[in-house]
Amino acid sequence: MSVQSASNVEPPSRLPIVLGQTTLPAEAGAAHAPVVLLPQMLNRHGLICGATGTGKTVTLRYLVEQLNRRNIATLVTDLKGDLSGLAAPGGANQKVRERLSLFALDERYFTGFPLTLWGRCGLPLRTTPSEMGPELLGRLLQLNDNQQGLLRVIFHMADQQGLLLLDWKDLTALLDYVEQHRKALTAEYGNISPASLGAIKRKMLALEPLSTDTRGAASLFGEPALNLNDLTQGGRIHLLDASDMQPAVYGTLLLWLLAELYETLPESGDSQLHLVLFFDEAHLLFDDLPKALCDQVEQIVKLIRSKGVGIVFVTQNPLDIPEDILAQLGNRIQHALRAYTPNEQRAVKAAARSFRENPAIDTASAIGELAVGEALISGLDADGVPQPVARAMIHPPASQLAPLTDDEKKALVKSDPLRTTYGKKLDRESAYEQLQQRREQLQVTKDTAPAATAGSGQASRSTLEKSIQQMASSFGRQFGRELMRGLMGALTGRRR
């Protein structure tokens, strides 16, 4: 019997993940074989795809559990509010129990996992308008080219004048200030179109929810902003419950997160994996995304693996993902797709072509025949080469399939170690307060100006306009371009 040397023992973070067992035709006469994914290859990204009700969410859940067992941190976005049960032991679901014998498991298998809950009923996940930058904020507001150009000018003005944009009311106050002093500011910053300014304000108003059941854009902004280092520490599962988040807010948040991770995390090389992102309903990232921003996302997806970050896109249809990004997804898990319409048939053909051929499987036919919880799988080997497609039954998860109750979520948040950092909102002095102080100073100037003839009144107004143009505080100028963030900042190397 040979003894493996200690130097050849794989660390836990590199132990293969048994994703499922092969399901072969009866006439094949072969035994079931394990189908594995290599965790260190997940920084080559992945795709979990399939129609509603075919098992995508259960596959995602099991993969997240296995990465946590290997002390690899994950961030999972949850648009349906289904996944909070990751924190509790499973075993109540009959279909899960039926699979225990296939994988030689018993009751001891079921367990919960360390979970930090963000979003609805959880800790607030925030950024600031200054961190997000005008490009992504313009995408959130769905601005046209002229409106986007004006937003860049407004951010530039805030940068020059040291106005900190930390929350939604700061941005609102800045737009009101620009509207009130548009003529004076035009002399310094160029034409400020009242039509474009009005459109931006209307679109901001449209992103405020009509009821408390939906979170608008304002809830995304504020302090303390998310410290990305908190996502990579301790191998925790971070779950963003976005079930009450507007689609435009959700998509923009994910784009911001990609840019921030790429900009903030240090280089760690291709062989390291520190964080895996699971993006549910991934098509919302790309809906109505301008080509320039889409190209930037493609670049970040290509380069972020050197930061030890993997991305798994979860969606119903592989055609939801831009082709150039889809080509970068080395690990594929395809659940059943139905092909009744021409578009659905096209999706099935596209999915079939994305796998390395296996002579024993008619991939295109199999995609329409897969049972619930069954999938076609192709991962990368240790050299990064795609493996032939395998048809497999997915391993059952260990956690509870049903979501936690609201009371259970509250108890989970109360005991979370990050609660002391993010549990209480901060409201330090920023643009809203700064502009309020300026209004008071200008009012004092007007009140103390001597009553005079119309001519001297005109001179007083000119003096007032000049003071508005020159009211950049000396400390504010040191901020320079540090306030300009977003995807462009990530790719051009701008730092905090």
Protein backbone atom coordinates (compact mmCIF):
# COMPACT_ATOMS: atom_id res chain seq x y z
CA MET A 1 0.00 0.00 0.00
CA SER A 2 1.44 3.39 -0.97
CA VAL A 3 1.40 6.35 1.39
CA GLN A 4 0.78 9.82 -0.09
CA SER A 5 3.35 12.37 1.03
CA ALA A 6 2.11 15.41 2.97
CA SER A 7 3.36 17.71 0.21
CA ASN A 8 0.95 16.06 -2.25
CA VAL A 9 -2.16 16.35 -0.08
CA GLU A 10 -4.59 18.85 -1.57
CA PRO A 11 -5.61 21.73 0.73
CA PRO A 12 -9.36 21.82 1.53
CA SER A 13 -9.91 24.75 -0.84
CA ARG A 14 -8.81 22.55 -3.78
CA LEU A 15 -10.72 19.36 -2.96
CA PRO A 16 -12.94 18.44 -5.93
CA ILE A 17 -16.65 19.11 -5.51
CA VAL A 18 -18.78 16.06 -6.31
CA LEU A 19 -21.58 17.86 -8.10
CA GLY A 20 -23.57 14.81 -9.11
CA GLN A 21 -23.73 11.19 -10.28
CA THR A 22 -23.98 10.25 -13.94
CA THR A 23 -27.36 9.07 -15.19
CA LEU A 24 -26.81 6.69 -18.09
CA PRO A 25 -29.28 4.91 -20.41
CA ALA A 26 -30.20 1.45 -19.10
CA GLU A 27 -28.68 -0.25 -22.13
CA ALA A 28 -25.31 1.31 -21.40
CA GLY A 29 -24.88 -1.12 -18.51
CA ALA A 30 -22.35 1.10 -16.74
CA ALA A 31 -22.27 2.09 -13.08
CA HIS A 32 -23.00 5.62 -11.92
CA ALA A 33 -19.85 7.73 -11.75
CA PRO A 34 -19.23 10.96 -9.84
CA VAL A 35 -19.15 14.23 -11.79
CA VAL A 36 -16.85 16.79 -10.20
CA LEU A 37 -15.99 20.47 -10.42
CA LEU A 38 -12.58 21.75 -9.36
CA PRO A 39 -13.03 24.76 -7.04
CA GLN A 40 -9.75 26.36 -8.13
CA MET A 41 -11.18 26.48 -11.67
CA LEU A 42 -14.19 28.54 -10.63
CA ASN A 43 -12.20 31.71 -11.17
CA ARG A 44 -12.72 30.83 -14.85
CA HIS A 45 -16.36 31.57 -14.08
CA GLY A 46 -19.49 29.54 -14.71
CA LEU A 47 -23.10 29.34 -15.84
CA ILE A 48 -26.11 27.68 -14.22
CA CYS A 49 -28.93 27.68 -16.72
CA GLY A 50 -32.39 26.18 -17.16
CA ALA A 51 -36.10 26.81 -17.28
CA THR A 52 -38.12 27.71 -14.18
CA GLY A 53 -38.66 24.72 -11.88
CA THR A 54 -35.87 22.54 -13.28
CA GLY A 55 -33.54 22.75 -10.26
CA LYS A 56 -31.24 25.75 -10.86
CA THR A 57 -31.69 27.15 -7.35
CA VAL A 58 -31.02 23.78 -5.67
CA THR A 59 -27.83 23.38 -7.73
CA LEU A 60 -26.73 26.88 -6.77
CA ARG A 61 -27.46 26.11 -3.09
CA TYR A 62 -25.40 22.91 -3.09
CA LEU A 63 -22.46 24.55 -4.85
CA VAL A 64 -22.46 27.42 -2.33
CA GLU A 65 -22.51 24.92 0.56
CA GLN A 66 -19.53 23.04 -0.87
CA LEU A 67 -17.49 26.22 -1.31
CA ASN A 68 -18.24 27.15 2.29
CA ARG A 69 -16.98 23.74 3.44
CA ARG A 70 -13.74 24.66 1.68
CA ASN A 71 -13.57 28.04 3.47
CA ILE A 72 -14.15 29.97 0.24
CA ALA A 73 -16.34 33.06 0.69
CA THR A 74 -19.40 33.50 -1.51
CA LEU A 75 -21.82 36.31 -2.30
CA VAL A 76 -25.17 35.11 -3.58
CA THR A 77 -27.88 37.41 -4.91
CA ASP A 78 -31.41 36.17 -4.33
CA LEU A 79 -34.19 37.87 -6.29
CA LYS A 80 -36.92 35.48 -5.15
CA GLY A 81 -36.04 35.40 -1.44
CA ASP A 82 -35.63 31.61 -1.53
CA LEU A 83 -32.16 30.99 -0.14
CA SER A 84 -32.09 32.15 3.49
CA GLY A 85 -32.62 28.51 4.53
CA LEU A 86 -28.88 28.03 3.91
CA ALA A 87 -28.49 28.96 7.58
CA ALA A 88 -30.61 26.01 8.82
CA PRO A 89 -30.22 22.20 8.60
CA GLY A 90 -32.24 20.49 5.87
CA GLY A 91 -33.90 17.10 5.76
CA ALA A 92 -37.58 18.03 5.69
CA ASN A 93 -37.94 17.87 1.91
CA GLN A 94 -39.02 14.43 0.70
CA LYS A 95 -37.37 14.71 -2.73
CA VAL A 96 -34.05 15.55 -1.08
CA ARG A 97 -34.37 12.55 1.23
CA GLU A 98 -35.02 10.26 -1.74
CA ARG A 99 -31.56 11.08 -3.08
CA LEU A 100 -29.66 10.23 0.10
CA SER A 101 -29.18 6.57 -0.86
CA LEU A 102 -27.86 7.44 -4.33
CA PHE A 103 -25.03 9.40 -2.69
CA ALA A 104 -24.59 7.10 0.35
CA LEU A 105 -25.69 9.79 2.83
CA ASP A 106 -27.53 9.62 6.16
CA GLU A 107 -29.18 12.05 8.62
CA ARG A 108 -25.83 13.37 9.83
CA TYR A 109 -25.36 15.02 6.45
CA PHE A 110 -27.89 17.79 7.10
CA THR A 111 -26.51 21.04 8.52
CA GLY A 112 -26.79 24.80 8.33
CA PHE A 113 -24.04 27.19 7.26
CA PRO A 114 -22.67 30.54 8.55
CA LEU A 115 -24.73 33.16 6.74
CA THR A 116 -24.69 36.95 6.65
CA LEU A 117 -28.01 38.25 5.36
CA TRP A 118 -28.08 41.55 3.44
CA GLY A 119 -31.01 43.45 2.00
CA ARG A 120 -34.60 42.69 2.95
CA CYS A 121 -34.78 41.80 6.68
CA GLY A 122 -30.97 41.85 6.74
CA LEU A 123 -28.06 44.25 6.99
CA PRO A 124 -28.26 47.20 4.56
CA LEU A 125 -25.83 46.86 1.65
CA ARG A 126 -24.95 50.43 0.69
CA THR A 127 -22.66 52.42 -1.53
CA THR A 128 -22.51 56.17 -2.21
CA PRO A 129 -23.18 58.19 -5.38
CA SER A 130 -19.52 59.28 -5.30
CA GLU A 131 -18.40 55.64 -5.21
CA MET A 132 -20.77 54.61 -7.99
CA GLY A 133 -19.80 57.46 -10.30
CA PRO A 134 -21.77 59.15 -13.10
CA GLU A 135 -21.55 56.31 -15.65
CA LEU A 136 -23.32 53.70 -13.55
CA LEU A 137 -25.64 56.23 -11.97
CA GLY A 138 -26.66 57.28 -15.48
CA ARG A 139 -27.36 53.63 -16.29
CA LEU A 140 -29.50 53.36 -13.16
CA LEU A 141 -31.47 56.44 -14.22
CA GLN A 142 -31.59 55.27 -17.88
CA LEU A 143 -30.33 58.63 -19.16
CA ASN A 144 -29.84 59.51 -22.80
CA ASP A 145 -26.52 60.85 -24.09
CA ASN A 146 -27.29 64.51 -23.38
CA GLN A 147 -28.54 63.79 -19.86
CA GLN A 148 -25.55 61.53 -19.20
CA GLY A 149 -23.20 64.29 -20.31
CA LEU A 150 -24.85 66.74 -17.93
CA LEU A 151 -24.55 64.26 -15.06
CA ARG A 152 -20.80 64.04 -15.72
CA VAL A 153 -20.58 67.83 -15.54
CA ILE A 154 -22.49 67.86 -12.25
CA PHE A 155 -20.19 65.23 -10.75
CA HIS A 156 -17.19 67.23 -11.97
CA MET A 157 -18.57 70.32 -10.25
CA ALA A 158 -19.10 68.37 -7.02
CA ASP A 159 -15.53 67.09 -7.31
CA GLN A 160 -14.08 70.58 -7.76
CA GLN A 161 -16.11 72.08 -4.95
CA GLY A 162 -15.49 69.32 -2.42
CA LEU A 163 -19.15 68.30 -2.21
CA LEU A 164 -19.39 64.80 -0.80
CA LEU A 165 -22.18 62.78 -2.41
CA LEU A 166 -22.88 60.15 0.21
CA ASP A 167 -26.60 59.50 -0.08
CA TRP A 168 -29.69 60.19 -2.18
CA LYS A 169 -30.54 63.47 -0.47
CA ASP A 170 -27.05 64.78 -1.29
CA LEU A 171 -27.65 64.11 -4.96
CA THR A 172 -31.11 65.69 -4.80
CA ALA A 173 -29.74 68.78 -3.04
CA LEU A 174 -26.97 69.13 -5.61
CA LEU A 175 -29.46 69.02 -8.51
CA ASP A 176 -31.64 71.64 -6.78
CA TYR A 177 -28.57 73.84 -6.29
CA VAL A 178 -27.60 73.52 -9.96
CA GLU A 179 -31.16 74.34 -11.02
CA GLN A 180 -31.34 77.44 -8.82
CA HIS A 181 -27.95 78.79 -9.94
CA ARG A 182 -27.89 77.41 -13.47
CA LYS A 183 -26.95 80.70 -15.20
CA ALA A 184 -24.09 81.45 -12.84
CA LEU A 185 -22.76 77.89 -13.05
CA THR A 186 -23.03 77.80 -16.85
CA ALA A 187 -20.33 80.49 -17.06
CA GLU A 188 -17.86 78.17 -15.33
CA TYR A 189 -18.95 74.67 -16.37
CA GLY A 190 -20.55 75.17 -19.79
CA ASN A 191 -24.16 74.93 -20.89
CA ILE A 192 -26.49 73.35 -18.34
CA SER A 193 -29.65 72.43 -20.21
CA PRO A 194 -32.79 72.98 -18.13
CA ALA A 195 -34.55 70.24 -20.13
CA SER A 196 -31.85 67.66 -19.33
CA LEU A 197 -31.69 68.77 -15.70
CA GLY A 198 -35.46 68.40 -15.37
CA ALA A 199 -35.32 64.94 -16.97
CA ILE A 200 -32.69 63.75 -14.48
CA LYS A 201 -34.80 64.97 -11.56
CA ARG A 202 -37.92 63.26 -12.94
CA LYS A 203 -36.08 59.97 -13.43
CA MET A 204 -34.76 60.13 -9.88
CA LEU A 205 -38.30 60.61 -8.65
CA ALA A 206 -39.47 57.63 -10.72
CA LEU A 207 -37.01 55.37 -8.88
CA GLU A 208 -38.68 56.05 -5.55
CA PRO A 209 -41.12 53.26 -4.62
CA LEU A 210 -44.87 53.84 -4.46
CA SER A 211 -45.18 51.45 -1.50
CA THR A 212 -43.06 50.05 1.31
CA ASP A 213 -43.01 46.65 -0.43
CA THR A 214 -40.32 47.81 -2.86
CA ARG A 215 -36.95 49.38 -2.16
CA GLY A 216 -36.08 52.29 -4.42
CA ALA A 217 -32.72 53.73 -5.37
CA ALA A 218 -32.45 55.82 -2.20
CA SER A 219 -32.06 52.67 -0.08
CA LEU A 220 -28.92 51.74 -2.02
CA PHE A 221 -27.01 54.86 -1.00
CA GLY A 222 -25.62 55.91 2.36
CA GLU A 223 -23.05 55.12 5.01
CA PRO A 224 -21.49 53.00 6.27
CA ALA A 225 -20.81 51.85 2.72
CA LEU A 226 -19.88 48.23 2.10
CA ASN A 227 -16.24 47.41 2.82
CA LEU A 228 -15.41 44.75 0.24
CA ASN A 229 -12.84 43.16 2.55
CA ASP A 230 -15.76 42.05 4.72
CA LEU A 231 -16.94 39.83 1.86
CA THR A 232 -13.73 37.85 1.64
CA GLN A 233 -13.06 37.25 5.34
CA GLY A 234 -13.79 34.02 7.19
CA GLY A 235 -15.30 31.95 4.39
CA ARG A 236 -18.87 33.09 5.13
CA ILE A 237 -21.87 32.92 2.82
CA HIS A 238 -23.13 36.44 2.08
CA LEU A 239 -26.72 36.42 0.84
CA LEU A 240 -28.26 39.54 -0.70
CA ASP A 241 -32.05 39.24 -0.49
CA ALA A 242 -33.05 41.50 -3.39
CA SER A 243 -36.66 40.30 -3.54
CA ASP A 244 -37.97 43.83 -2.90
CA MET A 245 -35.40 45.61 -5.07
CA GLN A 246 -36.33 47.28 -8.34
CA PRO A 247 -34.73 45.52 -11.37
CA ALA A 248 -32.82 48.64 -12.49
CA VAL A 249 -31.41 49.10 -8.98
CA TYR A 250 -30.45 45.41 -8.78
CA GLY A 251 -28.67 45.36 -12.15
CA THR A 252 -26.72 48.55 -11.45
CA LEU A 253 -25.72 47.33 -7.98
CA LEU A 254 -24.16 44.20 -9.47
CA LEU A 255 -22.25 46.22 -12.07
CA TRP A 256 -20.92 48.49 -9.32
CA LEU A 257 -19.91 45.48 -7.26
CA LEU A 258 -17.90 44.01 -10.14
CA ALA A 259 -16.10 47.29 -10.73
CA GLU A 260 -15.33 47.80 -7.03
CA LEU A 261 -14.00 44.26 -6.55
CA TYR A 262 -11.76 44.58 -9.58
CA GLU A 263 -10.47 47.96 -8.45
CA THR A 264 -10.05 47.16 -4.75
CA LEU A 265 -8.78 43.58 -4.41
CA PRO A 266 -5.05 42.88 -4.82
CA GLU A 267 -3.64 40.67 -7.54
CA SER A 268 -3.45 37.07 -6.35
CA GLY A 269 -2.82 35.06 -9.51
CA ASP A 270 -4.87 32.50 -11.39
CA SER A 271 -4.35 29.72 -8.84
CA GLN A 272 -6.12 31.48 -5.94
CA LEU A 273 -9.85 31.67 -5.25
CA HIS A 274 -11.02 34.00 -2.48
CA LEU A 275 -14.59 34.84 -3.46
CA VAL A 276 -17.25 33.43 -5.78
CA LEU A 277 -20.17 35.62 -6.88
CA PHE A 278 -23.48 33.99 -7.82
CA PHE A 279 -25.62 36.42 -9.82
CA ASP A 280 -29.26 35.31 -9.95
CA GLU A 281 -31.40 36.52 -12.89
CA ALA A 282 -28.17 37.56 -14.59
CA HIS A 283 -29.98 39.03 -17.60
CA LEU A 284 -30.84 42.06 -15.43
CA LEU A 285 -27.18 43.09 -15.57
CA PHE A 286 -27.32 43.41 -19.32
CA ASP A 287 -30.85 44.61 -20.06
CA ASP A 288 -30.61 47.92 -21.95
CA LEU A 289 -26.89 48.14 -21.16
CA PRO A 290 -25.10 50.52 -23.57
CA LYS A 291 -22.41 48.83 -25.66
CA ALA A 292 -19.63 50.91 -24.07
CA LEU A 293 -20.60 49.68 -20.59
CA CYS A 294 -21.09 46.12 -21.85
CA ASP A 295 -17.55 46.15 -23.27
CA GLN A 296 -16.24 47.32 -19.89
CA VAL A 297 -18.09 44.52 -18.09
CA GLU A 298 -16.58 42.03 -20.54
CA GLN A 299 -13.11 43.33 -19.73
CA ILE A 300 -13.68 43.11 -15.98
CA VAL A 301 -15.06 39.55 -16.24
CA LYS A 302 -11.95 38.62 -18.22
CA LEU A 303 -9.50 40.23 -15.78
CA ILE A 304 -11.09 39.76 -12.36
CA ARG A 305 -10.00 36.13 -12.08
CA SER A 306 -6.49 37.42 -11.36
CA LYS A 307 -7.99 38.93 -8.19
CA GLY A 308 -9.12 35.51 -6.98
CA VAL A 309 -12.77 36.16 -7.87
CA GLY A 310 -15.05 33.79 -9.76
CA ILE A 311 -18.48 34.68 -11.18
CA VAL A 312 -21.33 32.22 -11.73
CA PHE A 313 -24.20 33.63 -13.79
CA VAL A 314 -27.60 32.08 -13.08
CA THR A 315 -30.28 32.54 -15.72
CA GLN A 316 -33.01 30.74 -17.64
CA ASN A 317 -31.60 31.17 -21.13
CA PRO A 318 -27.91 31.16 -22.17
CA LEU A 319 -28.75 33.80 -24.77
CA ASP A 320 -29.46 36.19 -21.87
CA ILE A 321 -25.68 36.59 -21.54
CA PRO A 322 -23.74 38.60 -24.17
CA GLU A 323 -21.84 36.24 -26.45
CA ASP A 324 -18.37 37.58 -25.61
CA ILE A 325 -19.04 37.10 -21.87
CA LEU A 326 -20.68 33.70 -22.39
CA ALA A 327 -17.50 32.52 -24.13
CA GLN A 328 -15.52 33.18 -20.92
CA LEU A 329 -17.65 30.89 -18.74
CA GLY A 330 -15.60 27.71 -18.45
CA ASN A 331 -17.87 25.74 -16.10
CA ARG A 332 -21.36 24.93 -17.43
CA ILE A 333 -24.36 23.40 -15.63
CA GLN A 334 -27.36 23.13 -17.93
CA HIS A 335 -30.78 22.12 -16.58
CA ALA A 336 -33.74 21.41 -18.83
CA LEU A 337 -34.87 23.89 -21.47
CA ARG A 338 -38.17 23.64 -23.31
CA ALA A 339 -38.12 24.25 -27.05
CA TYR A 340 -41.61 25.12 -28.24
CA THR A 341 -40.96 28.46 -29.96
CA PRO A 342 -38.25 29.39 -32.51
CA ASN A 343 -36.43 31.47 -29.86
CA GLU A 344 -36.48 28.55 -27.41
CA GLN A 345 -35.17 26.19 -30.10
CA ARG A 346 -32.38 28.65 -30.82
CA ALA A 347 -31.49 28.73 -27.11
CA VAL A 348 -31.31 24.92 -26.95
CA LYS A 349 -28.97 24.81 -29.96
CA ALA A 350 -26.78 27.53 -28.44
CA ALA A 351 -26.60 25.65 -25.15
CA ALA A 352 -25.74 22.38 -26.88
CA ARG A 353 -22.93 23.98 -28.89
CA SER A 354 -21.35 25.36 -25.71
CA PHE A 355 -20.43 21.87 -24.41
CA ARG A 356 -17.51 19.69 -25.38
CA GLU A 357 -19.01 16.74 -27.25
CA ASN A 358 -19.53 13.35 -25.60
CA PRO A 359 -20.24 10.54 -28.12
CA ALA A 360 -22.57 8.84 -25.62
CA ILE A 361 -24.88 11.87 -25.32
CA ASP A 362 -27.02 13.67 -27.87
CA THR A 363 -26.66 17.02 -26.12
CA ALA A 364 -29.41 18.93 -27.94
CA SER A 365 -31.96 16.18 -27.34
CA ALA A 366 -30.89 15.66 -23.73
CA ILE A 367 -31.47 19.33 -22.85
CA GLY A 368 -35.18 18.87 -23.50
CA GLU A 369 -35.39 15.49 -21.72
CA LEU A 370 -33.67 16.29 -18.40
CA ALA A 371 -35.68 15.56 -15.27
CA VAL A 372 -36.01 18.00 -12.40
CA GLY A 373 -32.67 18.06 -10.55
CA GLU A 374 -30.82 16.52 -13.49
CA ALA A 375 -28.32 18.52 -15.54
CA LEU A 376 -25.68 18.44 -18.25
CA ILE A 377 -22.33 19.35 -16.72
CA SER A 378 -18.96 20.30 -18.15
CA GLY A 379 -16.20 21.62 -15.92
CA LEU A 380 -12.55 22.48 -16.49
CA ASP A 381 -9.77 20.08 -15.61
CA ALA A 382 -6.65 21.17 -13.71
CA ASP A 383 -5.12 22.45 -16.97
CA GLY A 384 -8.18 24.53 -17.80
CA VAL A 385 -9.43 22.19 -20.55
CA PRO A 386 -13.23 21.69 -20.77
CA GLN A 387 -14.30 18.12 -19.99
CA PRO A 388 -16.74 16.19 -22.20
CA VAL A 389 -20.34 16.83 -21.24
CA ALA A 390 -21.84 14.48 -18.64
CA ARG A 391 -25.48 13.90 -17.79
CA ALA A 392 -25.93 13.74 -14.03
CA MET A 393 -28.33 13.86 -11.11
CA ILE A 394 -27.32 16.78 -8.87
CA HIS A 395 -26.18 16.07 -5.31
CA PRO A 396 -28.79 16.99 -2.66
CA PRO A 397 -28.08 20.07 -0.51
CA ALA A 398 -27.53 19.84 3.26
CA SER A 399 -29.43 22.99 4.20
CA GLN A 400 -33.13 23.77 4.48
CA LEU A 401 -34.88 24.37 1.16
CA ALA A 402 -37.60 26.57 2.66
CA PRO A 403 -36.62 30.18 3.49
CA LEU A 404 -36.30 31.31 7.10
CA THR A 405 -39.23 33.07 8.72
CA ASP A 406 -38.94 36.82 9.31
CA ASP A 407 -38.38 36.17 13.03
CA GLU A 408 -35.58 33.71 12.23
CA LYS A 409 -34.01 36.26 9.91
CA LYS A 410 -34.11 38.92 12.64
CA ALA A 411 -32.43 36.54 15.08
CA LEU A 412 -29.78 35.71 12.46
CA VAL A 413 -29.00 39.41 11.88
CA LYS A 414 -28.94 40.15 15.62
CA SER A 415 -26.17 37.57 16.13
CA ASP A 416 -24.17 38.54 13.02
CA PRO A 417 -20.61 39.78 13.75
CA LEU A 418 -21.00 42.48 11.05
CA ARG A 419 -24.06 44.01 12.74
CA THR A 420 -21.92 46.37 14.81
CA THR A 421 -20.43 47.78 11.58
CA TYR A 422 -23.49 48.06 9.34
CA GLY A 423 -26.47 47.96 11.68
CA LYS A 424 -26.71 51.70 12.31
CA LYS A 425 -26.84 54.28 9.50
CA LEU A 426 -24.42 57.22 9.62
CA ASP A 427 -25.30 60.71 8.41
CA ARG A 428 -22.17 62.82 8.45
CA GLU A 429 -21.86 66.25 6.90
CA SER A 430 -21.96 66.02 3.14
CA ALA A 431 -23.37 67.89 0.13
CA TYR A 432 -26.84 68.37 1.62
CA GLU A 433 -25.49 70.10 4.72
CA GLN A 434 -22.73 71.91 2.82
CA LEU A 435 -25.19 73.41 0.33
CA GLN A 436 -27.56 74.37 3.13
CA GLN A 437 -24.72 76.31 4.77
CA ARG A 438 -24.01 78.06 1.47
CA ARG A 439 -27.64 79.12 1.13
CA GLU A 440 -27.53 80.60 4.62
CA GLN A 441 -24.28 82.46 3.85
CA LEU A 442 -25.74 83.84 0.62
CA GLN A 443 -28.88 84.93 2.44
CA VAL A 444 -26.76 86.82 4.95
CA THR A 445 -24.93 88.50 2.04
CA LYS A 446 -28.22 89.58 0.48
CA ASP A 447 -29.68 90.80 3.77
CA THR A 448 -26.65 92.92 4.62
CA ALA A 449 -26.23 94.40 1.13
CA PRO A 450 -27.23 98.12 1.16
CA ALA A 451 -30.56 99.05 -0.40
CA ALA A 452 -29.76 100.90 -3.60
CA THR A 453 -30.97 101.89 -7.01
CA ALA A 454 -31.74 99.35 -9.70
CA GLY A 455 -28.18 99.78 -11.02
CA SER A 456 -26.53 98.95 -7.72
CA GLY A 457 -29.03 96.09 -7.29
CA GLN A 458 -27.81 94.67 -10.58
CA ALA A 459 -24.23 94.99 -9.34
CA SER A 460 -25.24 93.19 -6.14
CA ARG A 461 -26.71 90.31 -8.15
CA SER A 462 -23.53 90.11 -10.25
CA THR A 463 -21.48 89.94 -7.08
CA LEU A 464 -23.76 87.20 -5.79
CA GLU A 465 -23.39 85.15 -8.98
CA LYS A 466 -19.63 85.58 -8.88
CA SER A 467 -19.54 84.35 -5.29
CA ILE A 468 -21.47 81.23 -6.32
CA GLN A 469 -18.91 80.48 -9.04
CA GLN A 470 -15.98 80.92 -6.67
CA MET A 471 -17.44 79.16 -3.62
CA ALA A 472 -15.16 76.12 -3.85
CA SER A 473 -13.72 75.56 -0.40
CA SER A 474 -9.96 75.16 -0.21
CA PHE A 475 -10.16 71.71 1.39
CA GLY A 476 -12.48 70.44 -1.31
CA ARG A 477 -10.02 70.81 -4.16
CA GLN A 478 -7.72 68.17 -2.72
CA PHE A 479 -10.31 65.51 -3.54
CA GLY A 480 -9.42 65.89 -7.23
CA ARG A 481 -10.60 62.97 -9.29
CA GLU A 482 -11.04 60.71 -6.26
CA LEU A 483 -14.80 61.20 -6.39
CA MET A 484 -15.08 59.79 -9.90
CA ARG A 485 -15.69 56.06 -9.69
CA GLY A 486 -17.52 53.24 -11.44
CA LEU A 487 -16.57 50.92 -14.29
CA MET A 488 -14.45 53.49 -16.09
CA GLY A 489 -12.53 54.18 -12.89
CA ALA A 490 -11.83 50.50 -12.41
CA LEU A 491 -10.39 50.02 -15.90
CA THR A 492 -8.37 53.23 -15.96
CA GLY A 493 -6.78 52.60 -12.59
CA ARG A 494 -8.39 55.40 -10.56
CA ARG A 495 -8.24 54.68 -6.84
CA ARG A 496 -9.78 56.09 -3.70
